[in-house]
Amino acid sequence: MEPSPNDNKLIIYQLLPRLYGNTKQVNKFYGSIEENGVGKFNDINDKVLQEIKKMGFTHVWYTGVIEHATMTDYSQYGIKPDDPDVVKGRAGSPYAIKDYYDIDPDLAVEVNNRMGEYEALISRTHQNGLKVLMDFVPNHVARTYASDVKPDNIRDFGQDDDKTKSFDPKNDFYYSPSQPFVVPQGYNPGGDEFQSPLKDGNFDEFPAKATGNDVFSPWPSINDWFETVKLNYGLDYMGGHHAYFDPVPPLWNKMYDILHFWSEKGIDGFRCDMVEMVPFEFWGWLIPKLKVAFPQLIFIGEAYDNNKYQDYIFKGKFDYLYDKVGLYDAIKRLTRNEPNATTWDINRVWNQDCKAIDLHMLRFMENHDELRIPSPGFAGDPWLAVPGMIITATLNTGPVMIYFGQEVGEPAAGEEGFSGNDGRTSIFDYWGVPEHQKWLNDGKLDGGKLSDDQKKLRDFYSRLLNLARDNEALRVGAFWELMIANEHQQGFDQRLYLFLRYTDKQRILVITNFNRSERKLQVKLSEDLLAKLNLSGAKEFTDLLTGAKYNTNNINKGLDITLPAVSGMLLNF
């Protein structure tokens, strides 16, 4: 099903082009681009996009496309090298952008045609029936930021700043006047083997600019985002948080120009980084203004403070926000079988945290910031995600996101370099993603090296995501929780979650079991629900995931069901 205007069930596939197409299996600690290899835009060909589409996806979020600071030397192409003392990892963080109007040269086969290769990928993605999302990183830029390809009429960040002032609404950056920036002690850029004449523990920045994670001094620590500088949206952090939004600060218009530039290339939406670090007044100005020219654009915000959700949706005009501190965290506790885990936390998400905004919440169990499900710090086994993934995809009408490799159980084992052995696939280093590479199968793109178990896992994801799109009850239907109706039923416990999704034409009963052992339950629909839907008598239920059939002679008495350990059902009736 193609999304329609009132359809929020976007199915998003997040992938890093730098990692996605890389078939090299060296994976040397702090390896260079030559040693460890790199993926390219061109690797994401028609076959890849068709396979993504077949899995049920509607959107692809290409992560880390814009040119960012790196330790790889592209000076032969006229690109100024970055000082490694302010770069994290050999490849560099995609969230330390050094030119908002340029493309990461790593991702191009022909470096001088990097923009052309990205434009071709946008066009190819569209031709295969998918929409394109890309990053927008509004809060900070690389310390080495300087645009060498911006349009002639555009003023660069900081170009007109008065650097004698720590804050001025007309400045793009915050400063520590008359003080130089100091690189944090103990940073060893690129590891012991990495050599560069610029690697000397110093970075020439005078006066020092404030650091991205709101450090307003010249001495960020090694645990700060010291490779980035904070942008100034007119908030005087050191002066009592006073806001100067009228007249509109120059930075606002610069950001509008940047997003207009990318939107003109056919981008369908932006995943906006750390949106709560930028005032919602800016977003409320920016998003409607851009939608005048590009009405179909969507804006997804990375958000972590449920007290601010309403402001960023209703005043900031975001289409979607991350549901991390609510649903993700509740499901993670249940998936990990933590002692305090309870499915009543899921009730709290829709009933309190996201009341009236549930359709605006983007749900996921993995992304580049979070632990891989099979990593020891999360679940240790990709199949333990089944009940959580079913809820993530079907709880409401809002979007769902999968991170590449999740569908084949990638555990992100090992130390990559700047990124330690932390259960995350590195965004800082050159690396191959081993379980995903088995699907790539040396470029055959057929999953030829996957185990039978991995093929079954990928099939589960594909089935679930396609069901979420193709069934109107899941895509646009109403929601009715069945916890209170069942909490006194024999066999019920707080590791089961039950709800109904329904329209006039379709009803799907969703039952999930997070317990590590099977559960027998007589599932009841509440009397008010039975009356509302005018249900009585015998009913047959079909599990859309497996095709298995279940019967009850009298729906008023409920449905007897045996739920296998760590499982779920989507029962159509």
Protein backbone atom coordinates (compact mmCIF):
# COMPACT_ATOMS: atom_id res chain seq x y z
CA MET A 1 0.00 0.00 0.00
CA GLU A 2 1.29 3.47 -0.89
CA PRO A 3 0.99 5.99 1.98
CA SER A 4 -1.94 8.43 1.65
CA PRO A 5 -2.06 11.89 3.29
CA ASN A 6 -3.86 10.68 6.46
CA ASP A 7 -1.68 7.55 6.63
CA ASN A 8 1.07 7.72 9.27
CA LYS A 9 2.18 4.08 9.09
CA LEU A 10 5.52 4.83 7.46
CA ILE A 11 7.90 1.88 7.51
CA ILE A 12 11.42 3.32 7.65
CA TYR A 13 14.68 1.50 6.90
CA GLN A 14 17.70 3.26 8.39
CA LEU A 15 21.02 2.54 6.70
CA LEU A 16 24.49 4.11 6.68
CA PRO A 17 25.78 4.07 3.09
CA ARG A 18 29.33 4.09 4.54
CA LEU A 19 28.69 0.67 6.10
CA TYR A 20 25.84 -0.79 4.07
CA GLY A 21 27.56 -1.86 0.85
CA ASN A 22 30.99 -2.63 2.34
CA THR A 23 31.86 -6.29 1.61
CA LYS A 24 35.42 -6.16 3.06
CA GLN A 25 35.80 -8.40 6.11
CA VAL A 26 39.15 -7.21 7.50
CA ASN A 27 37.65 -5.21 10.40
CA LYS A 28 40.98 -4.04 11.76
CA PHE A 29 40.88 -1.99 14.98
CA TYR A 30 41.05 1.68 13.89
CA GLY A 31 41.49 0.50 10.29
CA SER A 32 41.81 3.02 7.48
CA ILE A 33 39.39 3.32 4.57
CA GLU A 34 41.85 1.30 2.43
CA GLU A 35 42.20 -1.44 5.07
CA ASN A 36 38.60 -1.84 6.24
CA GLY A 37 36.75 -0.70 3.13
CA VAL A 38 33.75 1.55 2.70
CA GLY A 39 30.27 1.36 1.20
CA LYS A 40 29.24 3.63 -1.67
CA PHE A 41 26.00 5.21 -2.86
CA ASN A 42 26.31 3.10 -6.01
CA ASP A 43 26.18 -0.12 -3.94
CA ILE A 44 22.56 0.77 -3.15
CA ASN A 45 21.40 -0.33 -6.58
CA ASP A 46 17.98 -1.27 -7.98
CA LYS A 47 18.21 -4.82 -6.60
CA VAL A 48 18.96 -3.55 -3.06
CA LEU A 49 16.08 -1.09 -3.26
CA GLN A 50 13.69 -3.74 -4.60
CA GLU A 51 14.61 -6.02 -1.69
CA ILE A 52 14.03 -3.17 0.79
CA LYS A 53 10.67 -2.45 -0.85
CA LYS A 54 9.69 -6.15 -0.73
CA MET A 55 10.25 -6.20 3.02
CA GLY A 56 7.44 -3.68 3.41
CA PHE A 57 9.43 -0.45 3.72
CA THR A 58 8.11 2.86 2.42
CA HIS A 59 11.06 5.15 3.32
CA VAL A 60 14.85 4.84 3.46
CA TRP A 61 16.79 7.07 5.85
CA TYR A 62 20.26 7.49 4.36
CA THR A 63 22.32 8.30 7.45
CA GLY A 64 25.58 10.25 7.28
CA VAL A 65 25.36 11.60 3.73
CA ILE A 66 26.41 15.23 4.27
CA GLU A 67 30.14 16.02 4.33
CA HIS A 68 31.49 15.66 7.86
CA ALA A 69 34.89 15.93 9.51
CA THR A 70 37.15 12.91 8.89
CA MET A 71 40.75 11.70 9.30
CA THR A 72 40.82 10.53 5.67
CA ASP A 73 42.80 12.90 3.47
CA TYR A 74 41.00 14.17 0.36
CA SER A 75 43.31 17.15 -0.24
CA GLN A 76 44.06 15.91 -3.79
CA TYR A 77 40.41 16.74 -4.56
CA GLY A 78 40.69 20.25 -3.13
CA ILE A 79 39.11 19.31 0.20
CA LYS A 80 40.91 20.81 3.18
CA PRO A 81 42.04 18.11 5.66
CA ASP A 82 40.47 18.16 9.13
CA ASP A 83 42.59 18.33 12.26
CA PRO A 84 42.31 14.81 13.75
CA ASP A 85 42.51 16.25 17.29
CA VAL A 86 38.88 17.32 16.80
CA VAL A 87 37.61 14.26 14.89
CA LYS A 88 36.18 11.12 16.51
CA GLY A 89 37.18 7.94 14.67
CA ARG A 90 39.08 7.41 11.41
CA ALA A 91 35.90 7.92 9.37
CA GLY A 92 34.52 10.66 11.65
CA SER A 93 31.08 11.19 13.12
CA PRO A 94 28.31 11.89 10.59
CA TYR A 95 26.97 14.31 13.20
CA ALA A 96 30.00 16.61 13.01
CA ILE A 97 29.13 18.27 9.71
CA LYS A 98 31.80 20.34 7.99
CA ASP A 99 29.87 21.57 4.94
CA TYR A 100 26.08 21.60 4.83
CA TYR A 101 26.07 22.00 1.05
CA ASP A 102 28.36 19.08 0.26
CA ILE A 103 28.42 15.28 0.29
CA ASP A 104 30.74 12.89 2.16
CA PRO A 105 33.49 12.03 -0.38
CA ASP A 106 33.84 8.54 1.18
CA LEU A 107 30.51 7.58 -0.36
CA ALA A 108 31.35 8.39 -3.97
CA VAL A 109 33.07 6.18 -6.52
CA GLU A 110 34.20 9.37 -8.30
CA VAL A 111 34.89 11.93 -5.56
CA ASN A 112 34.39 14.91 -7.88
CA ASN A 113 30.97 13.57 -8.84
CA ARG A 114 29.84 12.95 -5.25
CA MET A 115 26.78 15.19 -5.52
CA GLY A 116 25.82 13.57 -8.82
CA GLU A 117 26.07 10.11 -7.29
CA TYR A 118 23.84 11.14 -4.38
CA GLU A 119 21.31 12.72 -6.75
CA ALA A 120 21.31 9.47 -8.74
CA LEU A 121 20.60 7.53 -5.52
CA ILE A 122 17.66 9.84 -4.70
CA SER A 123 16.26 9.31 -8.17
CA ARG A 124 16.88 5.52 -8.07
CA THR A 125 15.15 5.27 -4.68
CA HIS A 126 12.11 7.09 -6.04
CA GLN A 127 12.03 4.95 -9.19
CA ASN A 128 11.82 1.89 -6.93
CA GLY A 129 8.76 3.25 -5.14
CA LEU A 130 10.51 4.41 -1.95
CA LYS A 131 10.87 7.81 -0.34
CA VAL A 132 14.12 9.39 0.86
CA LEU A 133 14.91 10.71 4.34
CA MET A 134 18.21 12.35 5.29
CA ASP A 135 19.80 13.86 8.39
CA PHE A 136 19.48 17.45 9.53
CA VAL A 137 21.82 18.28 12.41
CA PRO A 138 20.68 21.67 13.71
CA ASN A 139 22.33 21.97 17.13
CA HIS A 140 26.03 21.76 16.24
CA VAL A 141 28.61 21.53 13.45
CA ALA A 142 32.19 20.27 13.23
CA ARG A 143 34.89 22.49 14.71
CA THR A 144 36.40 22.59 11.21
CA TYR A 145 33.14 23.74 9.57
CA ALA A 146 33.65 25.80 6.40
CA SER A 147 31.55 25.53 3.27
CA ASP A 148 33.58 25.59 0.07
CA VAL A 149 30.69 24.81 -2.29
CA LYS A 150 27.81 26.89 -0.87
CA PRO A 151 25.83 29.08 -3.29
CA ASP A 152 27.48 32.47 -3.81
CA ASN A 153 24.70 34.46 -2.13
CA ILE A 154 24.92 32.44 1.11
CA ARG A 155 26.88 33.73 4.13
CA ASP A 156 28.80 31.01 5.98
CA PHE A 157 28.25 30.22 9.67
CA GLY A 158 30.17 32.70 11.82
CA GLN A 159 31.27 34.80 8.85
CA ASP A 160 29.65 37.94 10.26
CA ASP A 161 29.99 37.14 13.99
CA ASP A 162 31.27 39.67 16.51
CA LYS A 163 33.75 37.42 18.32
CA THR A 164 34.35 39.90 21.14
CA LYS A 165 30.93 38.94 22.56
CA SER A 166 30.20 35.62 24.27
CA PHE A 167 26.59 35.98 23.10
CA ASP A 168 24.87 38.15 20.54
CA PRO A 169 21.54 37.24 18.88
CA LYS A 170 23.14 38.10 15.53
CA ASN A 171 26.06 35.66 16.05
CA ASP A 172 25.89 32.09 14.72
CA PHE A 173 28.18 30.74 17.46
CA TYR A 174 28.82 31.28 21.19
CA TYR A 175 32.34 32.39 22.20
CA SER A 176 34.75 32.54 25.12
CA PRO A 177 36.28 35.91 24.14
CA SER A 178 40.08 36.22 24.36
CA GLN A 179 40.50 32.52 25.27
CA PRO A 180 41.82 29.79 22.96
CA PHE A 181 40.15 26.39 22.59
CA VAL A 182 41.91 23.52 24.41
CA VAL A 183 41.75 19.93 23.08
CA PRO A 184 40.80 17.53 25.92
CA GLN A 185 43.70 15.78 27.64
CA GLY A 186 44.34 12.14 26.81
CA TYR A 187 42.71 12.03 23.36
CA ASN A 188 44.59 9.75 20.94
CA PRO A 189 43.00 10.42 17.55
CA GLY A 190 42.90 7.43 15.21
CA GLY A 191 44.70 5.16 17.69
CA ASP A 192 48.45 4.51 18.04
CA GLU A 193 49.09 3.68 14.36
CA PHE A 194 47.47 6.78 12.91
CA GLN A 195 50.06 9.37 11.81
CA SER A 196 49.37 12.93 10.69
CA PRO A 197 51.35 16.19 10.89
CA LEU A 198 48.16 17.73 12.36
CA LYS A 199 48.00 15.18 15.21
CA ASP A 200 49.68 17.21 17.95
CA GLY A 201 47.09 17.64 20.70
CA ASN A 202 46.29 21.17 19.54
CA PHE A 203 43.59 22.79 17.47
CA ASP A 204 43.81 26.42 16.50
CA GLU A 205 40.51 28.09 17.45
CA PHE A 206 40.55 31.62 18.81
CA PRO A 207 38.43 32.71 20.46
CA ALA A 208 37.10 29.34 21.59
CA LYS A 209 33.57 28.47 20.54
CA ALA A 210 31.08 26.71 22.83
CA THR A 211 30.93 22.92 22.47
CA GLY A 212 27.87 21.14 20.99
CA ASN A 213 26.50 19.60 24.21
CA ASP A 214 26.12 23.05 25.83
CA VAL A 215 29.63 23.41 27.26
CA PHE A 216 30.19 27.18 27.35
CA SER A 217 33.89 27.14 28.18
CA PRO A 218 37.12 26.66 26.17
CA TRP A 219 37.92 23.36 27.96
CA PRO A 220 35.44 20.60 27.08
CA SER A 221 36.23 17.18 28.54
CA ILE A 222 37.01 14.03 26.58
CA ASN A 223 33.44 12.86 27.33
CA ASP A 224 31.89 15.99 25.81
CA TRP A 225 31.03 16.47 22.15
CA PHE A 226 34.34 18.30 21.89
CA GLU A 227 34.54 17.75 18.11
CA THR A 228 31.49 19.99 17.61
CA VAL A 229 30.49 23.61 18.16
CA LYS A 230 27.09 24.77 19.39
CA LEU A 231 24.96 26.90 17.08
CA ASN A 232 23.12 30.00 18.36
CA TYR A 233 19.36 30.18 17.76
CA GLY A 234 18.98 33.35 19.86
CA LEU A 235 19.02 31.75 23.32
CA ASP A 236 21.38 33.35 25.84
CA TYR A 237 22.25 30.27 27.90
CA MET A 238 24.70 32.08 30.19
CA GLY A 239 22.42 35.09 30.56
CA GLY A 240 19.45 33.49 32.27
CA HIS A 241 18.23 31.64 29.15
CA HIS A 242 16.74 34.84 27.73
CA ALA A 243 15.34 34.38 24.22
CA TYR A 244 15.95 36.83 21.36
CA PHE A 245 13.72 35.52 18.55
CA ASP A 246 12.44 38.84 17.21
CA PRO A 247 13.91 39.85 14.86
CA VAL A 248 14.62 36.33 13.60
CA PRO A 249 18.30 35.45 14.28
CA PRO A 250 20.42 35.16 11.10
CA LEU A 251 21.05 31.46 11.78
CA TRP A 252 17.35 30.68 11.32
CA ASN A 253 17.43 31.88 7.72
CA LYS A 254 20.70 30.07 7.03
CA MET A 255 19.09 26.80 8.19
CA TYR A 256 16.03 27.48 6.04
CA ASP A 257 18.30 27.96 3.01
CA ILE A 258 20.11 24.67 3.73
CA LEU A 259 16.90 22.63 3.98
CA HIS A 260 15.47 24.37 0.92
CA PHE A 261 18.64 23.39 -1.00
CA TRP A 262 18.21 19.68 -0.15
CA SER A 263 14.42 19.70 -0.58
CA GLU A 264 14.89 20.97 -4.14
CA LYS A 265 16.87 17.79 -4.83
CA GLY A 266 13.79 15.69 -4.11
CA ILE A 267 14.34 14.78 -0.44
CA ASP A 268 11.03 13.64 1.07
CA GLY A 269 11.82 14.30 4.71
CA PHE A 270 14.41 15.05 7.36
CA ARG A 271 15.35 13.15 10.51
CA CYS A 272 16.38 16.00 12.75
CA ASP A 273 19.09 15.38 15.34
CA MET A 274 18.63 16.25 19.05
CA VAL A 275 15.71 18.58 18.39
CA GLU A 276 15.09 19.48 22.03
CA MET A 277 18.49 21.24 22.14
CA VAL A 278 17.07 23.77 19.65
CA PRO A 279 14.09 25.96 20.72
CA PHE A 280 10.67 24.81 19.47
CA GLU A 281 10.01 28.40 18.33
CA PHE A 282 12.62 27.89 15.57
CA TRP A 283 10.94 24.69 14.38
CA GLY A 284 7.51 26.33 14.46
CA TRP A 285 8.92 29.02 12.16
CA LEU A 286 10.97 26.73 9.91
CA ILE A 287 8.71 23.74 9.22
CA PRO A 288 5.56 25.57 8.01
CA LYS A 289 7.74 27.93 5.92
CA LEU A 290 9.40 24.98 4.15
CA LYS A 291 6.07 23.21 3.67
CA VAL A 292 4.76 26.17 1.69
CA ALA A 293 7.24 25.26 -1.05
CA PHE A 294 7.37 21.50 -0.31
CA PRO A 295 4.02 20.45 1.21
CA GLN A 296 4.86 16.72 1.21
CA LEU A 297 7.98 17.09 3.41
CA ILE A 298 8.01 15.20 6.70
CA PHE A 299 10.01 16.09 9.80
CA ILE A 300 11.06 13.47 12.35
CA GLY A 301 12.63 14.69 15.59
CA GLU A 302 15.05 12.78 17.80
CA ALA A 303 13.53 13.50 21.22
CA TYR A 304 14.06 12.22 24.76
CA ASP A 305 11.95 14.41 27.07
CA ASN A 306 8.28 13.40 27.18
CA ASN A 307 7.43 16.65 28.98
CA LYS A 308 8.37 18.51 25.79
CA TYR A 309 6.60 16.30 23.22
CA GLN A 310 3.46 18.45 23.05
CA ASP A 311 5.45 21.65 22.45
CA TYR A 312 7.54 20.13 19.66
CA ILE A 313 4.48 18.65 17.92
CA PHE A 314 1.88 21.39 18.36
CA LYS A 315 4.12 24.48 18.50
CA GLY A 316 7.23 23.11 16.72
CA LYS A 317 5.09 21.44 14.03
CA PHE A 318 7.02 18.15 13.91
CA ASP A 319 5.25 15.32 12.12
CA TYR A 320 6.89 12.64 14.28
CA LEU A 321 9.09 12.32 17.37
CA TYR A 322 11.16 9.38 18.67
CA ASP A 323 9.34 7.29 21.27
CA LYS A 324 12.51 6.27 23.08
CA VAL A 325 11.98 7.02 26.80
CA GLY A 326 8.46 5.56 26.70
CA LEU A 327 7.83 2.55 24.48
CA TYR A 328 11.42 1.64 23.58
CA ASP A 329 12.57 1.62 27.21
CA ALA A 330 9.49 -0.33 28.41
CA ILE A 331 9.92 -2.97 25.70
CA LYS A 332 13.66 -3.20 26.33
CA ARG A 333 13.05 -4.00 30.01
CA LEU A 334 10.52 -6.70 29.05
CA THR A 335 12.76 -8.14 26.31
CA ARG A 336 15.68 -8.35 28.76
CA ASN A 337 13.42 -10.03 31.32
CA GLU A 338 14.35 -7.43 33.94
CA PRO A 339 12.77 -8.00 37.39
CA ASN A 340 10.84 -4.71 37.32
CA ALA A 341 9.59 -5.10 33.73
CA THR A 342 5.82 -4.82 33.31
CA THR A 343 3.48 -4.41 30.35
CA TRP A 344 1.58 -1.80 32.38
CA ASP A 345 4.44 0.51 31.31
CA ILE A 346 3.11 0.16 27.75
CA ASN A 347 -0.29 1.29 29.00
CA ARG A 348 1.42 4.33 30.48
CA VAL A 349 2.94 5.26 27.09
CA TRP A 350 -0.34 5.61 25.17
CA ASN A 351 -2.51 6.50 28.17
CA GLN A 352 -0.25 9.23 29.63
CA ASP A 353 3.06 10.15 27.92
CA CYS A 354 1.68 10.16 24.38
CA LYS A 355 -2.01 10.82 25.01
CA ALA A 356 -3.50 12.53 21.92
CA ILE A 357 -0.15 12.39 20.07
CA ASP A 358 0.32 8.64 19.67
CA LEU A 359 0.10 8.77 15.88
CA HIS A 360 3.05 11.21 15.95
CA MET A 361 5.37 8.77 17.74
CA LEU A 362 8.05 6.89 15.77
CA ARG A 363 8.59 3.43 17.24
CA PHE A 364 11.74 1.28 16.96
CA MET A 365 13.80 -1.35 18.76
CA GLU A 366 17.13 -0.40 17.14
CA ASN A 367 18.86 2.60 15.62
CA HIS A 368 22.48 3.79 15.40
CA ASP A 369 22.43 5.24 18.95
CA GLU A 370 21.01 2.17 20.67
CA LEU A 371 22.29 -1.32 21.42
CA ARG A 372 21.85 -4.08 18.86
CA ILE A 373 19.17 -6.52 20.10
CA PRO A 374 21.48 -9.62 19.98
CA SER A 375 24.30 -7.80 21.81
CA PRO A 376 24.96 -9.07 25.37
CA GLY A 377 23.92 -5.70 26.85
CA PHE A 378 20.45 -5.99 25.30
CA ALA A 379 18.91 -9.44 24.73
CA GLY A 380 21.73 -11.67 23.48
CA ASP A 381 19.32 -13.32 21.01
CA PRO A 382 17.48 -11.62 18.12
CA TRP A 383 14.38 -13.85 18.54
CA LEU A 384 13.71 -12.40 21.99
CA ALA A 385 12.58 -9.24 20.14
CA VAL A 386 9.51 -10.92 18.60
CA PRO A 387 6.80 -9.76 21.07
CA GLY A 388 8.38 -6.31 21.35
CA MET A 389 8.64 -5.89 17.59
CA ILE A 390 5.00 -6.91 17.13
CA ILE A 391 3.93 -4.19 19.60
CA THR A 392 6.37 -1.66 18.11
CA ALA A 393 4.86 -2.16 14.65
CA THR A 394 1.18 -2.45 15.57
CA LEU A 395 0.46 -0.49 18.77
CA ASN A 396 -0.80 2.52 16.88
CA THR A 397 -1.09 4.13 13.45
CA GLY A 398 2.31 5.86 13.69
CA PRO A 399 5.58 5.00 11.92
CA VAL A 400 8.00 2.17 12.68
CA MET A 401 11.74 2.06 11.98
CA ILE A 402 14.23 -0.80 11.51
CA TYR A 403 18.02 -0.40 11.49
CA PHE A 404 19.88 -2.26 8.74
CA GLY A 405 21.25 -5.56 10.05
CA GLN A 406 18.46 -5.85 12.64
CA GLU A 407 16.53 -8.13 10.29
CA VAL A 408 19.41 -10.65 10.19
CA GLY A 409 20.39 -10.45 13.86
CA GLU A 410 23.58 -8.35 13.67
CA PRO A 411 25.10 -8.25 17.21
CA ALA A 412 27.77 -5.51 16.62
CA ALA A 413 30.48 -7.57 18.32
CA GLY A 414 34.03 -6.29 18.78
CA GLU A 415 35.89 -3.02 19.18
CA GLU A 416 35.96 -0.94 16.03
CA GLY A 417 38.26 1.89 17.05
CA PHE A 418 36.83 5.09 18.49
CA SER A 419 33.74 3.00 19.16
CA GLY A 420 34.50 0.36 21.79
CA ASN A 421 32.95 -3.08 22.24
CA ASP A 422 29.63 -1.49 23.23
CA GLY A 423 27.00 -3.49 21.32
CA ARG A 424 26.53 -0.71 18.76
CA THR A 425 27.54 -0.66 15.11
CA SER A 426 30.11 2.16 14.92
CA ILE A 427 29.21 5.44 13.24
CA PHE A 428 32.79 6.70 13.80
CA ASP A 429 34.91 3.99 12.16
CA TYR A 430 35.36 2.19 8.83
CA TRP A 431 33.87 -1.25 9.34
CA GLY A 432 32.11 -4.21 7.80
CA VAL A 433 28.85 -5.40 9.36
CA PRO A 434 29.36 -9.20 9.41
CA GLU A 435 25.82 -10.62 9.58
CA HIS A 436 24.55 -8.05 7.09
CA GLN A 437 27.49 -8.97 4.80
CA LYS A 438 26.10 -12.52 4.70
CA TRP A 439 22.97 -11.07 3.12
CA LEU A 440 25.10 -9.00 0.69
CA ASN A 441 26.85 -12.28 -0.28
CA ASP A 442 29.73 -10.56 -2.13
CA GLY A 443 27.35 -8.35 -4.07
CA LYS A 444 24.87 -11.06 -5.11
CA LEU A 445 22.37 -9.47 -2.66
CA ASP A 446 20.51 -12.72 -2.18
CA GLY A 447 21.11 -13.68 1.45
CA GLY A 448 23.12 -16.65 0.22
CA LYS A 449 25.38 -16.80 3.27
CA LEU A 450 22.65 -16.38 5.89
CA SER A 451 21.88 -19.35 8.15
CA ASP A 452 18.40 -20.89 7.99
CA ASP A 453 17.68 -19.22 11.33
CA GLN A 454 18.65 -15.80 9.92
CA LYS A 455 16.47 -16.35 6.86
CA LYS A 456 13.53 -17.14 9.17
CA LEU A 457 14.25 -13.99 11.20
CA ARG A 458 14.34 -11.82 8.09
CA ASP A 459 11.09 -13.45 6.95
CA PHE A 460 9.47 -12.62 10.32
CA TYR A 461 10.40 -8.93 9.93
CA SER A 462 9.23 -8.88 6.33
CA ARG A 463 5.89 -10.52 7.20
CA LEU A 464 5.28 -8.22 10.17
CA LEU A 465 6.12 -5.00 8.30
CA ASN A 466 4.05 -5.95 5.26
CA LEU A 467 1.12 -6.87 7.51
CA ALA A 468 1.35 -3.48 9.25
CA ARG A 469 1.08 -1.75 5.85
CA ASP A 470 -1.40 -4.02 4.11
CA ASN A 471 -4.05 -4.39 6.84
CA GLU A 472 -6.19 -1.34 7.38
CA ALA A 473 -6.88 -2.22 11.02
CA LEU A 474 -3.13 -1.90 11.72
CA ARG A 475 -2.46 0.94 9.32
CA VAL A 476 -5.27 3.32 10.24
CA GLY A 477 -7.53 1.46 12.72
CA ALA A 478 -8.61 2.35 16.24
CA PHE A 479 -6.96 0.89 19.34
CA TRP A 480 -8.58 -0.81 22.35
CA GLU A 481 -6.41 -2.13 25.16
CA LEU A 482 -7.48 -5.44 26.75
CA MET A 483 -5.35 -5.46 29.89
CA ILE A 484 -8.08 -4.54 32.38
CA ALA A 485 -10.48 -6.99 30.71
CA ASN A 486 -7.97 -9.81 31.29
CA GLU A 487 -6.01 -8.94 34.43
CA HIS A 488 -8.12 -11.30 36.58
CA GLN A 489 -8.13 -14.14 34.05
CA GLN A 490 -6.30 -17.31 35.07
CA GLY A 491 -2.84 -17.34 33.46
CA PHE A 492 -2.60 -13.57 33.10
CA ASP A 493 0.56 -11.79 34.25
CA GLN A 494 2.43 -8.53 33.66
CA ARG A 495 4.56 -10.03 30.87
CA LEU A 496 1.52 -10.36 28.58
CA TYR A 497 0.16 -7.50 26.52
CA LEU A 498 -3.15 -7.64 24.65
CA PHE A 499 -5.07 -5.17 22.51
CA LEU A 500 -7.43 -4.91 19.56
CA ARG A 501 -6.92 -2.85 16.40
CA TYR A 502 -10.09 -2.40 14.36
CA THR A 503 -11.98 -0.56 11.64
CA ASP A 504 -15.54 -1.08 10.37
CA LYS A 505 -14.16 -3.70 7.98
CA GLN A 506 -11.43 -5.50 9.92
CA ARG A 507 -10.54 -6.62 13.45
CA ILE A 508 -7.12 -7.85 14.60
CA LEU A 509 -6.55 -9.14 18.13
CA VAL A 510 -2.87 -8.68 19.11
CA ILE A 511 -1.58 -10.96 21.88
CA THR A 512 2.06 -10.96 23.00
CA ASN A 513 3.97 -12.97 25.60
CA PHE A 514 7.31 -11.68 26.93
CA ASN A 515 7.64 -14.58 29.39
CA ARG A 516 10.48 -17.02 28.79
CA SER A 517 7.94 -19.87 29.10
CA GLU A 518 4.54 -20.61 27.53
CA ARG A 519 1.30 -19.19 28.92
CA LYS A 520 -2.27 -20.50 28.71
CA LEU A 521 -4.95 -17.84 28.80
CA GLN A 522 -8.63 -17.40 28.09
CA VAL A 523 -8.54 -14.03 26.34
CA LYS A 524 -11.63 -11.93 26.97
CA LEU A 525 -12.94 -8.94 25.05
CA SER A 526 -14.58 -6.44 27.41
CA GLU A 527 -18.38 -6.22 27.41
CA ASP A 528 -18.40 -2.63 26.16
CA LEU A 529 -16.14 -3.63 23.27
CA LEU A 530 -18.32 -6.64 22.36
CA ALA A 531 -21.34 -4.33 22.36
CA LYS A 532 -19.58 -1.61 20.37
CA LEU A 533 -18.55 -4.09 17.67
CA ASN A 534 -21.81 -6.02 17.90
CA LEU A 535 -19.99 -9.34 18.44
CA SER A 536 -21.55 -12.59 19.66
CA GLY A 537 -21.54 -16.35 19.03
CA ALA A 538 -18.85 -18.55 17.48
CA LYS A 539 -15.77 -16.98 15.86
CA GLU A 540 -12.72 -18.20 13.97
CA PHE A 541 -9.39 -16.39 14.39
CA THR A 542 -6.49 -16.61 11.92
CA ASP A 543 -2.94 -15.67 12.95
CA LEU A 544 -1.73 -13.45 10.11
CA LEU A 545 1.91 -14.28 10.97
CA THR A 546 1.60 -18.08 10.70
CA GLY A 547 -1.80 -18.89 9.17
CA ALA A 548 -2.75 -20.94 12.28
CA LYS A 549 -6.48 -20.99 13.12
CA TYR A 550 -8.17 -20.76 16.54
CA ASN A 551 -11.86 -21.08 17.37
CA THR A 552 -14.28 -20.13 20.11
CA ASN A 553 -17.89 -21.30 20.38
CA ASN A 554 -18.83 -18.13 22.22
CA ILE A 555 -16.88 -14.90 21.87
CA ASN A 556 -18.58 -13.58 25.04
CA LYS A 557 -16.73 -16.24 27.05
CA GLY A 558 -13.44 -15.50 25.30
CA LEU A 559 -10.82 -17.42 23.33
CA ASP A 560 -8.64 -20.16 24.84
CA ILE A 561 -5.09 -19.71 23.65
CA THR A 562 -1.67 -21.19 24.40
CA LEU A 563 1.09 -18.66 23.83
CA PRO A 564 4.57 -20.07 23.24
CA ALA A 565 7.46 -18.46 25.15
CA VAL A 566 8.50 -15.04 23.81
CA SER A 567 5.93 -14.86 21.05
CA GLY A 568 3.02 -12.97 19.63
CA MET A 569 -0.02 -13.39 17.40
CA LEU A 570 -1.99 -11.13 15.10
CA LEU A 571 -5.42 -12.78 15.14
CA ASN A 572 -7.70 -11.64 12.35
CA PHE A 573 -11.43 -12.37 12.88
